[in-house]
């Protein structure tokens, strides 16, 4: 018969901390400064401004292709506006995250990330709402294609690491 201890653990039952006490963690060795430098060169940081630039290029390409395939300037403007509804908030987000105020310590970095993400989402919604008045002869399908394709640039970043992860 198993009995409970004062801390709530049952005698004979595995502890949730047993996984941390394996042989793998006992052989843990911290990295040297040279090993850390080598690891950083192999996996450099992502440049958020390169992602914004790629979104501008992709949004422009979608607008041009929309004009080429439909022959309608209004559809091209709609697709371009959909791309802008991603690029403008993303650029504002990038600017907010790279400001000195959000890089003071880890607490302000987390708060800054959440704040600027909220601003980004709110601005995107506001831009989509304003599209009815700002784009003459708005084509909703073209605008949504521009929006979605430009938004998917975030996923392309992972596929083309060497382009978006500059090595200094």
C-alpha atoms as a PDB file:
ATOM      1  CA  UNK A   1       0.000   0.000   0.000  1.00  0.00           C
ATOM      2  CA  UNK A   2       1.322   3.441  -0.958  1.00  0.00           C
ATOM      3  CA  UNK A   3       1.223   6.289   1.546  1.00  0.00           C
ATOM      4  CA  UNK A   4       1.335  10.027   0.987  1.00  0.00           C
ATOM      5  CA  UNK A   5       4.108  12.199   2.367  1.00  0.00           C
ATOM      6  CA  UNK A   6       3.623  15.667   3.845  1.00  0.00           C
ATOM      7  CA  UNK A   7       4.582  17.329   0.557  1.00  0.00           C
ATOM      8  CA  UNK A   8       1.861  15.420  -1.315  1.00  0.00           C
ATOM      9  CA  UNK A   9       4.178  12.927  -3.029  1.00  0.00           C
ATOM     10  CA  UNK A  10       3.154   9.289  -2.867  1.00  0.00           C
ATOM     11  CA  UNK A  11       5.777   6.819  -1.657  1.00  0.00           C
ATOM     12  CA  UNK A  12       6.820   4.503  -4.456  1.00  0.00           C
ATOM     13  CA  UNK A  13       5.527   6.828  -7.180  1.00  0.00           C
ATOM     14  CA  UNK A  14       8.027   8.544  -9.493  1.00  0.00           C
ATOM     15  CA  UNK A  15       8.745  12.181  -8.740  1.00  0.00           C
ATOM     16  CA  UNK A  16       8.165  14.768 -11.480  1.00  0.00           C
ATOM     17  CA  UNK A  17      11.779  15.831 -10.888  1.00  0.00           C
ATOM     18  CA  UNK A  18      13.234  12.384 -11.638  1.00  0.00           C
ATOM     19  CA  UNK A  19      13.618  13.286 -15.302  1.00  0.00           C
ATOM     20  CA  UNK A  20      15.992  16.100 -14.321  1.00  0.00           C
ATOM     21  CA  UNK A  21      18.181  13.771 -12.284  1.00  0.00           C
ATOM     22  CA  UNK A  22      19.195  11.585 -15.221  1.00  0.00           C
ATOM     23  CA  UNK A  23      22.758  10.918 -16.294  1.00  0.00           C
ATOM     24  CA  UNK A  24      22.435  13.537 -19.046  1.00  0.00           C
ATOM     25  CA  UNK A  25      22.257  16.402 -16.585  1.00  0.00           C
ATOM     26  CA  UNK A  26      25.063  15.059 -14.438  1.00  0.00           C
ATOM     27  CA  UNK A  27      27.389  15.254 -17.461  1.00  0.00           C
ATOM     28  CA  UNK A  28      26.450  18.897 -18.103  1.00  0.00           C
ATOM     29  CA  UNK A  29      29.417  21.083 -19.031  1.00  0.00           C
ATOM     30  CA  UNK A  30      29.069  24.854 -19.545  1.00  0.00           C
ATOM     31  CA  UNK A  31      30.311  26.269 -22.849  1.00  0.00           C
ATOM     32  CA  UNK A  32      33.524  28.214 -23.055  1.00  0.00           C
ATOM     33  CA  UNK A  33      33.601  31.723 -24.544  1.00  0.00           C
ATOM     34  CA  UNK A  34      35.067  30.356 -27.782  1.00  0.00           C
ATOM     35  CA  UNK A  35      32.358  27.694 -28.060  1.00  0.00           C
ATOM     36  CA  UNK A  36      29.650  30.329 -27.514  1.00  0.00           C
ATOM     37  CA  UNK A  37      31.174  32.540 -30.234  1.00  0.00           C
ATOM     38  CA  UNK A  38      31.306  29.592 -32.647  1.00  0.00           C
ATOM     39  CA  UNK A  39      27.678  28.705 -31.869  1.00  0.00           C
ATOM     40  CA  UNK A  40      26.570  32.312 -32.473  1.00  0.00           C
ATOM     41  CA  UNK A  41      28.319  32.309 -35.851  1.00  0.00           C
ATOM     42  CA  UNK A  42      26.527  29.107 -36.808  1.00  0.00           C
ATOM     43  CA  UNK A  43      23.130  30.454 -35.707  1.00  0.00           C
ATOM     44  CA  UNK A  44      23.174  34.255 -35.971  1.00  0.00           C
ATOM     45  CA  UNK A  45      20.356  36.517 -34.855  1.00  0.00           C
ATOM     46  CA  UNK A  46      17.474  37.330 -37.159  1.00  0.00           C
ATOM     47  CA  UNK A  47      17.397  40.821 -38.644  1.00  0.00           C
ATOM     48  CA  UNK A  48      13.821  42.062 -38.200  1.00  0.00           C
ATOM     49  CA  UNK A  49      14.432  44.889 -40.677  1.00  0.00           C
ATOM     50  CA  UNK A  50      15.312  42.375 -43.403  1.00  0.00           C
ATOM     51  CA  UNK A  51      11.976  40.700 -42.799  1.00  0.00           C
ATOM     52  CA  UNK A  52      10.173  44.043 -43.181  1.00  0.00           C
ATOM     53  CA  UNK A  53      12.125  44.716 -46.388  1.00  0.00           C
ATOM     54  CA  UNK A  54      11.173  41.273 -47.701  1.00  0.00           C
ATOM     55  CA  UNK A  55       7.531  42.016 -46.895  1.00  0.00           C
ATOM     56  CA  UNK A  56       7.742  45.235 -48.920  1.00  0.00           C
ATOM     57  CA  UNK A  57       9.214  43.335 -51.886  1.00  0.00           C
ATOM     58  CA  UNK A  58       6.621  40.551 -51.676  1.00  0.00           C
ATOM     59  CA  UNK A  59       3.715  42.990 -51.266  1.00  0.00           C
ATOM     60  CA  UNK A  60       4.886  44.942 -54.313  1.00  0.00           C
ATOM     61  CA  UNK A  61       5.285  41.738 -56.319  1.00  0.00           C
ATOM     62  CA  UNK A  62       1.770  40.595 -55.411  1.00  0.00           C
ATOM     63  CA  UNK A  63       0.348  43.961 -56.483  1.00  0.00           C
ATOM     64  CA  UNK A  64       2.256  43.827 -59.790  1.00  0.00           C
ATOM     65  CA  UNK A  65       1.184  40.246 -60.472  1.00  0.00           C
ATOM     66  CA  UNK A  66      -2.412  41.116 -59.628  1.00  0.00           C
ATOM     67  CA  UNK A  67      -2.326  43.946 -62.148  1.00  0.00           C
ATOM     68  CA  UNK A  68      -0.666  41.691 -64.730  1.00  0.00           C
ATOM     69  CA  UNK A  69      -3.210  38.867 -64.370  1.00  0.00           C
ATOM     70  CA  UNK A  70      -6.394  40.891 -63.877  1.00  0.00           C
ATOM     71  CA  UNK A  71      -5.576  43.954 -65.946  1.00  0.00           C
ATOM     72  CA  UNK A  72      -7.413  46.042 -63.351  1.00  0.00           C
ATOM     73  CA  UNK A  73      -5.584  48.839 -61.594  1.00  0.00           C
ATOM     74  CA  UNK A  74      -8.147  48.826 -58.775  1.00  0.00           C
ATOM     75  CA  UNK A  75      -7.347  45.168 -58.022  1.00  0.00           C
ATOM     76  CA  UNK A  76      -3.619  45.975 -57.970  1.00  0.00           C
ATOM     77  CA  UNK A  77      -4.213  48.865 -55.551  1.00  0.00           C
ATOM     78  CA  UNK A  78      -6.325  46.557 -53.389  1.00  0.00           C
ATOM     79  CA  UNK A  79      -3.546  43.942 -53.286  1.00  0.00           C
ATOM     80  CA  UNK A  80      -0.979  46.643 -52.530  1.00  0.00           C
ATOM     81  CA  UNK A  81      -3.134  47.981 -49.705  1.00  0.00           C
ATOM     82  CA  UNK A  82      -3.406  44.443 -48.298  1.00  0.00           C
ATOM     83  CA  UNK A  83       0.390  44.265 -48.291  1.00  0.00           C
ATOM     84  CA  UNK A  84       0.593  47.687 -46.642  1.00  0.00           C
ATOM     85  CA  UNK A  85      -1.783  46.490 -43.926  1.00  0.00           C
ATOM     86  CA  UNK A  86       0.987  44.042 -42.985  1.00  0.00           C
ATOM     87  CA  UNK A  87       4.110  46.112 -43.715  1.00  0.00           C
ATOM     88  CA  UNK A  88       3.212  49.359 -41.909  1.00  0.00           C
ATOM     89  CA  UNK A  89       2.302  47.662 -38.589  1.00  0.00           C
ATOM     90  CA  UNK A  90       5.329  45.335 -38.884  1.00  0.00           C
ATOM     91  CA  UNK A  91       7.654  48.304 -39.411  1.00  0.00           C
ATOM     92  CA  UNK A  92       6.152  50.071 -36.394  1.00  0.00           C
ATOM     93  CA  UNK A  93       6.543  46.855 -34.375  1.00  0.00           C
ATOM     94  CA  UNK A  94      10.181  46.527 -35.458  1.00  0.00           C
ATOM     95  CA  UNK A  95      10.884  50.148 -34.573  1.00  0.00           C
ATOM     96  CA  UNK A  96       9.299  49.703 -31.161  1.00  0.00           C
ATOM     97  CA  UNK A  97      11.246  46.541 -30.403  1.00  0.00           C
ATOM     98  CA  UNK A  98      14.580  48.028 -31.415  1.00  0.00           C
ATOM     99  CA  UNK A  99      14.154  51.223 -29.387  1.00  0.00           C
ATOM    100  CA  UNK A 100      16.298  51.810 -26.300  1.00  0.00           C
ATOM    101  CA  UNK A 101      13.268  51.781 -24.002  1.00  0.00           C
ATOM    102  CA  UNK A 102      12.470  48.132 -24.727  1.00  0.00           C
ATOM    103  CA  UNK A 103      16.054  46.888 -24.393  1.00  0.00           C
ATOM    104  CA  UNK A 104      16.776  48.115 -20.858  1.00  0.00           C
ATOM    105  CA  UNK A 105      16.204  44.728 -19.191  1.00  0.00           C
ATOM    106  CA  UNK A 106      14.282  41.512 -19.740  1.00  0.00           C
ATOM    107  CA  UNK A 107      11.127  42.812 -18.038  1.00  0.00           C
ATOM    108  CA  UNK A 108      10.845  45.843 -20.301  1.00  0.00           C
ATOM    109  CA  UNK A 109      11.664  43.663 -23.297  1.00  0.00           C
ATOM    110  CA  UNK A 110       8.747  41.334 -22.568  1.00  0.00           C
ATOM    111  CA  UNK A 111       6.401  44.230 -21.840  1.00  0.00           C
ATOM    112  CA  UNK A 112       7.595  46.037 -24.972  1.00  0.00           C
ATOM    113  CA  UNK A 113       7.045  42.954 -27.100  1.00  0.00           C
ATOM    114  CA  UNK A 114       3.485  42.536 -25.836  1.00  0.00           C
ATOM    115  CA  UNK A 115       2.717  46.241 -26.180  1.00  0.00           C
ATOM    116  CA  UNK A 116       4.057  46.547 -29.723  1.00  0.00           C
ATOM    117  CA  UNK A 117       2.352  43.305 -30.782  1.00  0.00           C
ATOM    118  CA  UNK A 118      -0.941  44.747 -29.524  1.00  0.00           C
ATOM    119  CA  UNK A 119      -0.265  47.979 -31.422  1.00  0.00           C
ATOM    120  CA  UNK A 120       0.562  45.955 -34.551  1.00  0.00           C
ATOM    121  CA  UNK A 121      -2.662  43.960 -34.387  1.00  0.00           C
ATOM    122  CA  UNK A 122      -4.765  47.048 -33.658  1.00  0.00           C
ATOM    123  CA  UNK A 123      -3.224  49.018 -36.514  1.00  0.00           C
ATOM    124  CA  UNK A 124      -3.754  46.119 -38.929  1.00  0.00           C
ATOM    125  CA  UNK A 125      -7.432  45.900 -37.978  1.00  0.00           C
ATOM    126  CA  UNK A 126      -7.815  49.680 -38.284  1.00  0.00           C
ATOM    127  CA  UNK A 127      -6.176  49.680 -41.725  1.00  0.00           C
ATOM    128  CA  UNK A 128      -8.433  46.866 -42.941  1.00  0.00           C
ATOM    129  CA  UNK A 129     -11.478  48.717 -41.613  1.00  0.00           C
ATOM    130  CA  UNK A 130     -10.378  51.948 -43.341  1.00  0.00           C
ATOM    131  CA  UNK A 131      -9.772  50.188 -46.668  1.00  0.00           C
ATOM    132  CA  UNK A 132     -13.400  50.719 -47.699  1.00  0.00           C
ATOM    133  CA  UNK A 133     -12.888  54.486 -47.672  1.00  0.00           C
ATOM    134  CA  UNK A 134      -9.236  54.671 -48.753  1.00  0.00           C
ATOM    135  CA  UNK A 135      -9.156  52.346 -51.779  1.00  0.00           C
ATOM    136  CA  UNK A 136     -11.393  53.260 -54.691  1.00  0.00           C
ATOM    137  CA  UNK A 137     -13.237  50.219 -56.166  1.00  0.00           C
ATOM    138  CA  UNK A 138     -11.836  47.967 -53.452  1.00  0.00           C
ATOM    139  CA  UNK A 139     -11.468  44.318 -54.420  1.00  0.00           C
ATOM    140  CA  UNK A 140     -11.688  42.320 -51.185  1.00  0.00           C
ATOM    141  CA  UNK A 141     -10.250  39.103 -52.668  1.00  0.00           C
ATOM    142  CA  UNK A 142      -7.225  40.967 -54.083  1.00  0.00           C
ATOM    143  CA  UNK A 143      -6.685  42.796 -50.796  1.00  0.00           C
ATOM    144  CA  UNK A 144      -6.880  39.578 -48.803  1.00  0.00           C
ATOM    145  CA  UNK A 145      -4.445  37.842 -51.169  1.00  0.00           C
ATOM    146  CA  UNK A 146      -2.007  40.728 -50.731  1.00  0.00           C
ATOM    147  CA  UNK A 147      -2.484  40.583 -46.967  1.00  0.00           C
ATOM    148  CA  UNK A 148      -2.047  36.819 -46.598  1.00  0.00           C
ATOM    149  CA  UNK A 149       0.888  36.426 -48.994  1.00  0.00           C
ATOM    150  CA  UNK A 150       2.750  39.345 -47.419  1.00  0.00           C
ATOM    151  CA  UNK A 151       2.047  37.971 -43.948  1.00  0.00           C
ATOM    152  CA  UNK A 152       3.504  34.577 -44.892  1.00  0.00           C
ATOM    153  CA  UNK A 153       6.938  36.144 -45.381  1.00  0.00           C
ATOM    154  CA  UNK A 154       7.546  35.321 -41.711  1.00  0.00           C
ATOM    155  CA  UNK A 155       7.560  31.620 -42.656  1.00  0.00           C
ATOM    156  CA  UNK A 156       9.864  32.177 -45.632  1.00  0.00           C
ATOM    157  CA  UNK A 157      12.450  33.549 -43.206  1.00  0.00           C
ATOM    158  CA  UNK A 158      12.943  30.073 -41.781  1.00  0.00           C
ATOM    159  CA  UNK A 159      13.316  28.481 -45.212  1.00  0.00           C
ATOM    160  CA  UNK A 160      15.952  30.947 -46.438  1.00  0.00           C
ATOM    161  CA  UNK A 161      18.083  31.343 -43.319  1.00  0.00           C
ATOM    162  CA  UNK A 162      21.216  32.569 -45.109  1.00  0.00           C
ATOM    163  CA  UNK A 163      19.349  35.518 -46.669  1.00  0.00           C
ATOM    164  CA  UNK A 164      17.713  36.763 -43.478  1.00  0.00           C
ATOM    165  CA  UNK A 165      20.367  35.828 -40.928  1.00  0.00           C
ATOM    166  CA  UNK A 166      23.393  37.964 -41.739  1.00  0.00           C
ATOM    167  CA  UNK A 167      26.771  36.783 -40.504  1.00  0.00           C
ATOM    168  CA  UNK A 168      28.896  39.634 -39.146  1.00  0.00           C
END
